[in-house]
N, C-alpha and C. Protein backbone atom coordinates (compact mmCIF):
# COMPACT_ATOMS: atom_id res chain seq x y z
N UNK A 1 -2.80 -64.15 -41.41
CA UNK A 1 -3.00 -64.11 -39.97
C UNK A 1 -1.90 -64.91 -39.28
N UNK A 2 -1.28 -64.32 -38.28
CA UNK A 2 -0.24 -65.02 -37.54
C UNK A 2 -0.88 -65.99 -36.55
N UNK A 3 -0.10 -66.93 -36.06
CA UNK A 3 -0.63 -67.86 -35.07
C UNK A 3 -0.98 -67.14 -33.76
N UNK A 4 -0.21 -66.13 -33.41
CA UNK A 4 -0.54 -65.35 -32.21
C UNK A 4 -1.91 -64.70 -32.36
N UNK A 5 -2.22 -64.25 -33.57
CA UNK A 5 -3.54 -63.65 -33.81
C UNK A 5 -4.63 -64.72 -33.75
N UNK A 6 -4.36 -65.87 -34.37
CA UNK A 6 -5.35 -66.95 -34.37
C UNK A 6 -5.67 -67.40 -32.95
N UNK A 7 -4.65 -67.47 -32.11
CA UNK A 7 -4.82 -67.99 -30.74
C UNK A 7 -4.91 -66.87 -29.70
N UNK A 8 -5.31 -65.69 -30.13
CA UNK A 8 -5.39 -64.55 -29.23
C UNK A 8 -6.32 -64.82 -28.03
N UNK A 9 -7.46 -65.48 -28.28
CA UNK A 9 -8.38 -65.79 -27.17
C UNK A 9 -7.71 -66.68 -26.13
N UNK A 10 -6.90 -67.61 -26.58
CA UNK A 10 -6.16 -68.48 -25.67
C UNK A 10 -5.16 -67.67 -24.84
N UNK A 11 -4.45 -66.78 -25.51
CA UNK A 11 -3.46 -65.96 -24.81
C UNK A 11 -4.14 -65.03 -23.80
N UNK A 12 -5.30 -64.53 -24.14
CA UNK A 12 -6.07 -63.69 -23.21
C UNK A 12 -6.55 -64.51 -22.01
N UNK A 13 -6.94 -65.75 -22.25
CA UNK A 13 -7.34 -66.63 -21.15
C UNK A 13 -6.15 -66.85 -20.21
N UNK A 14 -4.98 -67.02 -20.77
CA UNK A 14 -3.78 -67.17 -19.94
C UNK A 14 -3.57 -65.97 -19.03
N UNK A 15 -3.80 -64.78 -19.57
CA UNK A 15 -3.69 -63.56 -18.74
C UNK A 15 -4.75 -63.56 -17.65
N UNK A 16 -5.98 -63.91 -18.02
CA UNK A 16 -7.09 -63.93 -17.07
C UNK A 16 -6.83 -64.93 -15.94
N UNK A 17 -6.22 -66.06 -16.29
CA UNK A 17 -5.93 -67.10 -15.30
C UNK A 17 -4.63 -66.82 -14.54
N UNK A 18 -4.01 -65.70 -14.86
CA UNK A 18 -2.81 -65.26 -14.15
C UNK A 18 -1.64 -66.23 -14.30
N UNK A 19 -1.43 -66.70 -15.52
CA UNK A 19 -0.30 -67.59 -15.80
C UNK A 19 1.00 -66.83 -15.56
N UNK A 20 1.89 -67.45 -14.83
CA UNK A 20 3.18 -66.83 -14.49
C UNK A 20 4.27 -67.35 -15.43
N UNK A 21 5.35 -66.60 -15.51
CA UNK A 21 6.52 -66.99 -16.30
C UNK A 21 6.13 -67.37 -17.74
N UNK A 22 5.15 -66.67 -18.27
CA UNK A 22 4.67 -66.98 -19.61
C UNK A 22 5.65 -66.58 -20.70
N UNK A 23 5.71 -67.42 -21.69
CA UNK A 23 6.53 -67.14 -22.86
C UNK A 23 5.79 -67.68 -24.07
N UNK A 24 5.58 -66.84 -25.05
CA UNK A 24 4.90 -67.24 -26.28
C UNK A 24 5.76 -66.80 -27.44
N UNK A 25 6.10 -67.77 -28.29
CA UNK A 25 6.88 -67.41 -29.47
C UNK A 25 6.41 -68.25 -30.65
N UNK A 26 6.48 -67.62 -31.80
CA UNK A 26 6.08 -68.27 -33.04
C UNK A 26 7.36 -68.59 -33.81
N UNK A 27 7.49 -69.86 -34.17
CA UNK A 27 8.71 -70.29 -34.85
C UNK A 27 8.42 -71.51 -35.72
N UNK A 28 8.82 -71.46 -36.96
CA UNK A 28 8.68 -72.60 -37.86
C UNK A 28 7.27 -73.11 -38.01
N UNK A 29 6.30 -72.20 -38.03
CA UNK A 29 4.91 -72.60 -38.22
C UNK A 29 4.24 -73.16 -36.97
N UNK A 30 4.89 -72.99 -35.82
CA UNK A 30 4.32 -73.45 -34.56
C UNK A 30 4.32 -72.31 -33.56
N UNK A 31 3.34 -72.37 -32.65
CA UNK A 31 3.27 -71.43 -31.55
C UNK A 31 3.71 -72.18 -30.29
N UNK A 32 4.81 -71.74 -29.72
CA UNK A 32 5.35 -72.37 -28.52
C UNK A 32 4.86 -71.56 -27.32
N UNK A 33 4.15 -72.26 -26.44
CA UNK A 33 3.56 -71.61 -25.26
C UNK A 33 4.14 -72.27 -24.02
N UNK A 34 4.59 -71.44 -23.10
CA UNK A 34 5.19 -71.93 -21.88
C UNK A 34 4.68 -71.07 -20.73
N UNK A 35 4.42 -71.69 -19.57
CA UNK A 35 3.98 -70.91 -18.42
C UNK A 35 3.65 -71.81 -17.24
N UNK A 36 3.32 -71.16 -16.14
CA UNK A 36 3.02 -71.87 -14.90
C UNK A 36 1.71 -71.36 -14.32
N UNK A 37 0.81 -72.29 -14.05
CA UNK A 37 -0.44 -71.96 -13.38
C UNK A 37 -0.31 -72.32 -11.91
N UNK A 38 -1.20 -71.77 -11.12
CA UNK A 38 -1.16 -72.10 -9.69
C UNK A 38 -1.66 -73.53 -9.45
N UNK A 39 -2.79 -73.87 -10.04
CA UNK A 39 -3.41 -75.18 -9.81
C UNK A 39 -3.66 -75.92 -11.13
N UNK A 40 -3.91 -77.20 -11.01
CA UNK A 40 -4.23 -78.05 -12.15
C UNK A 40 -5.49 -77.56 -12.86
N UNK A 41 -6.43 -77.01 -12.13
CA UNK A 41 -7.67 -76.51 -12.72
C UNK A 41 -7.38 -75.51 -13.84
N UNK A 42 -6.52 -74.53 -13.57
CA UNK A 42 -6.20 -73.52 -14.59
C UNK A 42 -5.47 -74.15 -15.78
N UNK A 43 -4.60 -75.09 -15.49
CA UNK A 43 -3.90 -75.80 -16.57
C UNK A 43 -4.91 -76.52 -17.46
N UNK A 44 -5.86 -77.20 -16.85
CA UNK A 44 -6.89 -77.91 -17.61
C UNK A 44 -7.76 -76.96 -18.42
N UNK A 45 -8.08 -75.80 -17.84
CA UNK A 45 -8.87 -74.81 -18.59
C UNK A 45 -8.12 -74.33 -19.83
N UNK A 46 -6.81 -74.14 -19.71
CA UNK A 46 -6.02 -73.75 -20.88
C UNK A 46 -6.01 -74.86 -21.93
N UNK A 47 -5.81 -76.10 -21.50
CA UNK A 47 -5.80 -77.21 -22.46
C UNK A 47 -7.17 -77.39 -23.10
N UNK A 48 -8.24 -77.22 -22.32
CA UNK A 48 -9.59 -77.32 -22.89
C UNK A 48 -9.77 -76.27 -23.98
N UNK A 49 -9.26 -75.07 -23.75
CA UNK A 49 -9.36 -74.00 -24.75
C UNK A 49 -8.52 -74.32 -25.98
N UNK A 50 -7.29 -74.79 -25.76
CA UNK A 50 -6.42 -75.16 -26.89
C UNK A 50 -7.13 -76.15 -27.81
N UNK A 51 -7.78 -77.13 -27.24
CA UNK A 51 -8.40 -78.19 -28.02
C UNK A 51 -9.64 -77.75 -28.79
N UNK A 52 -10.09 -76.51 -28.61
CA UNK A 52 -11.24 -76.02 -29.37
C UNK A 52 -10.84 -75.50 -30.74
N UNK A 53 -9.55 -75.30 -30.96
CA UNK A 53 -9.08 -74.75 -32.24
C UNK A 53 -8.82 -75.86 -33.25
N UNK A 54 -9.24 -75.61 -34.49
CA UNK A 54 -8.96 -76.54 -35.57
C UNK A 54 -7.45 -76.57 -35.81
N UNK A 55 -6.91 -77.77 -36.00
CA UNK A 55 -5.50 -77.97 -36.34
C UNK A 55 -4.52 -77.61 -35.23
N UNK A 56 -5.00 -77.51 -33.99
CA UNK A 56 -4.11 -77.13 -32.89
C UNK A 56 -2.95 -78.11 -32.72
N UNK A 57 -3.20 -79.38 -33.02
CA UNK A 57 -2.17 -80.41 -32.84
C UNK A 57 -0.91 -80.11 -33.65
N UNK A 58 -1.09 -79.47 -34.80
CA UNK A 58 0.03 -79.15 -35.68
C UNK A 58 0.59 -77.74 -35.46
N UNK A 59 -0.13 -76.93 -34.69
CA UNK A 59 0.26 -75.53 -34.56
C UNK A 59 0.73 -75.12 -33.17
N UNK A 60 0.45 -75.93 -32.16
CA UNK A 60 0.79 -75.53 -30.79
C UNK A 60 1.67 -76.58 -30.12
N UNK A 61 2.69 -76.08 -29.44
CA UNK A 61 3.50 -76.90 -28.54
C UNK A 61 3.44 -76.18 -27.19
N UNK A 62 2.74 -76.78 -26.22
CA UNK A 62 2.53 -76.11 -24.93
C UNK A 62 3.23 -76.87 -23.81
N UNK A 63 3.89 -76.10 -22.96
CA UNK A 63 4.54 -76.64 -21.76
C UNK A 63 4.00 -75.83 -20.59
N UNK A 64 2.97 -76.37 -19.95
CA UNK A 64 2.31 -75.67 -18.86
C UNK A 64 2.51 -76.48 -17.57
N UNK A 65 3.05 -75.84 -16.58
CA UNK A 65 3.32 -76.49 -15.30
C UNK A 65 2.41 -75.89 -14.22
N UNK A 66 2.33 -76.56 -13.08
CA UNK A 66 1.56 -76.04 -11.94
C UNK A 66 2.48 -75.92 -10.73
N UNK A 67 2.12 -75.03 -9.81
CA UNK A 67 2.94 -74.86 -8.62
C UNK A 67 2.36 -75.51 -7.37
N UNK A 68 1.03 -75.70 -7.34
CA UNK A 68 0.39 -76.27 -6.15
C UNK A 68 -0.34 -77.55 -6.54
N UNK A 69 -0.22 -78.56 -5.68
CA UNK A 69 -0.84 -79.84 -6.01
C UNK A 69 -1.69 -80.42 -4.89
N UNK A 70 -1.89 -79.67 -3.81
CA UNK A 70 -2.66 -80.22 -2.68
C UNK A 70 -4.16 -80.30 -2.96
N UNK A 71 -4.67 -79.44 -3.86
CA UNK A 71 -6.06 -79.50 -4.30
C UNK A 71 -6.09 -79.25 -5.80
N UNK A 72 -7.22 -79.55 -6.42
CA UNK A 72 -7.36 -79.36 -7.86
C UNK A 72 -7.37 -77.88 -8.23
N UNK A 73 -8.00 -77.08 -7.37
CA UNK A 73 -8.09 -75.65 -7.62
C UNK A 73 -8.94 -74.97 -6.58
N UNK A 74 -9.12 -73.68 -6.75
CA UNK A 74 -9.94 -72.88 -5.85
C UNK A 74 -11.06 -72.26 -6.67
N UNK A 75 -12.23 -72.09 -6.02
CA UNK A 75 -13.38 -71.55 -6.73
C UNK A 75 -14.08 -70.55 -5.82
N UNK A 76 -14.35 -69.37 -6.34
CA UNK A 76 -15.10 -68.35 -5.60
C UNK A 76 -16.57 -68.47 -5.94
N UNK A 77 -17.39 -68.69 -4.92
CA UNK A 77 -18.83 -68.90 -5.09
C UNK A 77 -19.49 -67.65 -5.66
N UNK A 78 -20.33 -67.87 -6.67
CA UNK A 78 -21.08 -66.79 -7.32
C UNK A 78 -22.57 -67.00 -7.02
N UNK A 79 -23.35 -65.97 -7.26
CA UNK A 79 -24.79 -66.03 -7.06
C UNK A 79 -25.37 -67.17 -7.90
N UNK A 80 -26.21 -67.98 -7.30
CA UNK A 80 -26.85 -69.10 -8.00
C UNK A 80 -26.09 -70.41 -7.91
N UNK A 81 -24.88 -70.39 -7.39
CA UNK A 81 -24.08 -71.61 -7.26
C UNK A 81 -24.62 -72.51 -6.15
N UNK A 82 -24.49 -73.80 -6.37
CA UNK A 82 -24.72 -74.81 -5.34
C UNK A 82 -23.58 -75.81 -5.45
N UNK A 83 -23.38 -76.57 -4.39
CA UNK A 83 -22.33 -77.59 -4.46
C UNK A 83 -22.66 -78.64 -5.51
N UNK A 84 -23.94 -78.95 -5.69
CA UNK A 84 -24.28 -79.94 -6.71
C UNK A 84 -24.03 -79.40 -8.12
N UNK A 85 -24.25 -78.10 -8.35
CA UNK A 85 -23.93 -77.52 -9.65
C UNK A 85 -22.43 -77.57 -9.90
N UNK A 86 -21.65 -77.27 -8.86
CA UNK A 86 -20.19 -77.34 -9.01
C UNK A 86 -19.74 -78.76 -9.27
N UNK A 87 -20.33 -79.73 -8.57
CA UNK A 87 -19.97 -81.14 -8.77
C UNK A 87 -20.33 -81.58 -10.19
N UNK A 88 -21.46 -81.14 -10.70
CA UNK A 88 -21.87 -81.47 -12.07
C UNK A 88 -20.86 -80.90 -13.06
N UNK A 89 -20.46 -79.64 -12.84
CA UNK A 89 -19.50 -78.98 -13.72
C UNK A 89 -18.12 -79.64 -13.63
N UNK A 90 -17.70 -79.97 -12.43
CA UNK A 90 -16.35 -80.49 -12.20
C UNK A 90 -16.24 -81.98 -12.53
N UNK A 91 -17.21 -82.76 -12.05
CA UNK A 91 -17.14 -84.22 -12.18
C UNK A 91 -18.11 -84.80 -13.22
N UNK A 92 -19.05 -83.96 -13.68
CA UNK A 92 -20.09 -84.48 -14.56
C UNK A 92 -21.16 -85.25 -13.80
N UNK A 93 -21.17 -85.11 -12.47
CA UNK A 93 -22.11 -85.84 -11.63
C UNK A 93 -22.46 -85.00 -10.40
N UNK A 94 -23.67 -84.46 -10.38
CA UNK A 94 -24.09 -83.58 -9.28
C UNK A 94 -24.11 -84.30 -7.93
N UNK A 95 -24.27 -85.61 -7.94
CA UNK A 95 -24.35 -86.37 -6.68
C UNK A 95 -23.02 -86.41 -5.93
N UNK A 96 -21.96 -85.97 -6.56
CA UNK A 96 -20.64 -85.97 -5.90
C UNK A 96 -20.36 -84.68 -5.13
N UNK A 97 -21.42 -83.91 -4.86
CA UNK A 97 -21.27 -82.64 -4.16
C UNK A 97 -20.64 -82.79 -2.77
N UNK A 98 -20.84 -83.94 -2.13
CA UNK A 98 -20.29 -84.14 -0.79
C UNK A 98 -18.76 -84.16 -0.79
N UNK A 99 -18.14 -84.50 -1.91
CA UNK A 99 -16.68 -84.46 -1.99
C UNK A 99 -16.18 -83.02 -1.85
N UNK A 100 -16.91 -82.09 -2.43
CA UNK A 100 -16.55 -80.68 -2.29
C UNK A 100 -16.81 -80.23 -0.86
N UNK A 101 -17.97 -80.61 -0.33
CA UNK A 101 -18.31 -80.24 1.05
C UNK A 101 -17.26 -80.77 2.03
N UNK A 102 -16.92 -82.04 1.91
CA UNK A 102 -15.97 -82.64 2.85
C UNK A 102 -14.60 -81.97 2.83
N UNK A 103 -14.19 -81.50 1.68
CA UNK A 103 -12.90 -80.83 1.57
C UNK A 103 -12.94 -79.42 2.18
N UNK A 104 -14.14 -78.89 2.36
CA UNK A 104 -14.31 -77.52 2.84
C UNK A 104 -15.02 -77.42 4.18
N UNK A 105 -14.97 -78.48 4.97
CA UNK A 105 -15.65 -78.47 6.27
C UNK A 105 -15.09 -77.40 7.20
N UNK A 106 -13.90 -76.92 6.92
CA UNK A 106 -13.32 -75.86 7.75
C UNK A 106 -14.09 -74.54 7.60
N UNK A 107 -14.79 -74.34 6.47
CA UNK A 107 -15.56 -73.11 6.29
C UNK A 107 -17.05 -73.36 6.06
N UNK A 108 -17.43 -74.60 5.76
CA UNK A 108 -18.83 -74.93 5.53
C UNK A 108 -19.37 -75.82 6.65
N UNK A 109 -20.56 -75.50 7.12
CA UNK A 109 -21.19 -76.31 8.17
C UNK A 109 -22.33 -77.15 7.61
N UNK A 110 -22.85 -76.76 6.45
CA UNK A 110 -23.99 -77.43 5.83
C UNK A 110 -23.78 -77.38 4.32
N UNK A 111 -23.90 -78.52 3.62
CA UNK A 111 -23.67 -78.52 2.17
C UNK A 111 -24.69 -77.69 1.39
N UNK A 112 -25.81 -77.34 2.03
CA UNK A 112 -26.84 -76.55 1.37
C UNK A 112 -26.69 -75.05 1.63
N UNK A 113 -25.69 -74.68 2.43
CA UNK A 113 -25.53 -73.27 2.78
C UNK A 113 -24.14 -72.78 2.39
N UNK A 114 -24.03 -72.35 1.14
CA UNK A 114 -22.79 -71.71 0.71
C UNK A 114 -23.13 -70.25 0.41
N UNK A 115 -22.13 -69.40 0.56
CA UNK A 115 -22.37 -67.97 0.42
C UNK A 115 -21.52 -67.39 -0.71
N UNK A 116 -22.09 -66.43 -1.41
CA UNK A 116 -21.37 -65.71 -2.46
C UNK A 116 -20.09 -65.14 -1.86
N UNK A 117 -19.00 -65.34 -2.57
CA UNK A 117 -17.72 -64.81 -2.12
C UNK A 117 -16.85 -65.82 -1.38
N UNK A 118 -17.46 -66.91 -0.89
CA UNK A 118 -16.65 -67.94 -0.22
C UNK A 118 -15.70 -68.56 -1.25
N UNK A 119 -14.49 -68.86 -0.82
CA UNK A 119 -13.51 -69.49 -1.69
C UNK A 119 -13.39 -70.95 -1.28
N UNK A 120 -13.78 -71.83 -2.18
CA UNK A 120 -13.81 -73.27 -1.90
C UNK A 120 -12.64 -73.97 -2.56
N UNK A 121 -12.11 -74.94 -1.84
CA UNK A 121 -11.09 -75.84 -2.41
C UNK A 121 -11.83 -76.87 -3.25
N UNK A 122 -11.28 -77.21 -4.40
CA UNK A 122 -11.90 -78.21 -5.27
C UNK A 122 -11.08 -79.48 -5.25
N UNK A 123 -11.76 -80.62 -5.06
CA UNK A 123 -11.03 -81.89 -5.05
C UNK A 123 -10.64 -82.31 -6.47
N UNK A 124 -9.66 -83.18 -6.54
CA UNK A 124 -9.26 -83.73 -7.85
C UNK A 124 -10.39 -84.55 -8.42
N UNK A 125 -10.46 -84.65 -9.74
CA UNK A 125 -11.55 -85.35 -10.42
C UNK A 125 -11.56 -86.85 -10.15
N UNK A 126 -10.43 -87.42 -9.95
CA UNK A 126 -10.20 -88.87 -9.73
C UNK A 126 -10.80 -89.78 -10.74
């Protein structure tokens, strides 16, 4: 099995996250991955995926950059989402939901009223 085959799920995630300027090459027993994500959120999702593979430290050399740094990322609200669920997922603490609300006061009037399809800015984890 080639490294590209082993890490196929990772490469598919890169496509799903719309990584730009991507370059993947296998050389000398290592998989070299290069690309640019829009936000830090997508970069972190790629690194989180990389770290799920056994022996990744010896098999992957990744150079992932981001183009935007004003917010951590963007999130499209899905059915069942709440700001506290997003805060729990993002920060590990549901009580930090007001940080998301405060960053999105331009489109949100009440932290308890978010709508499916709204695109929210996500604050950095800090």
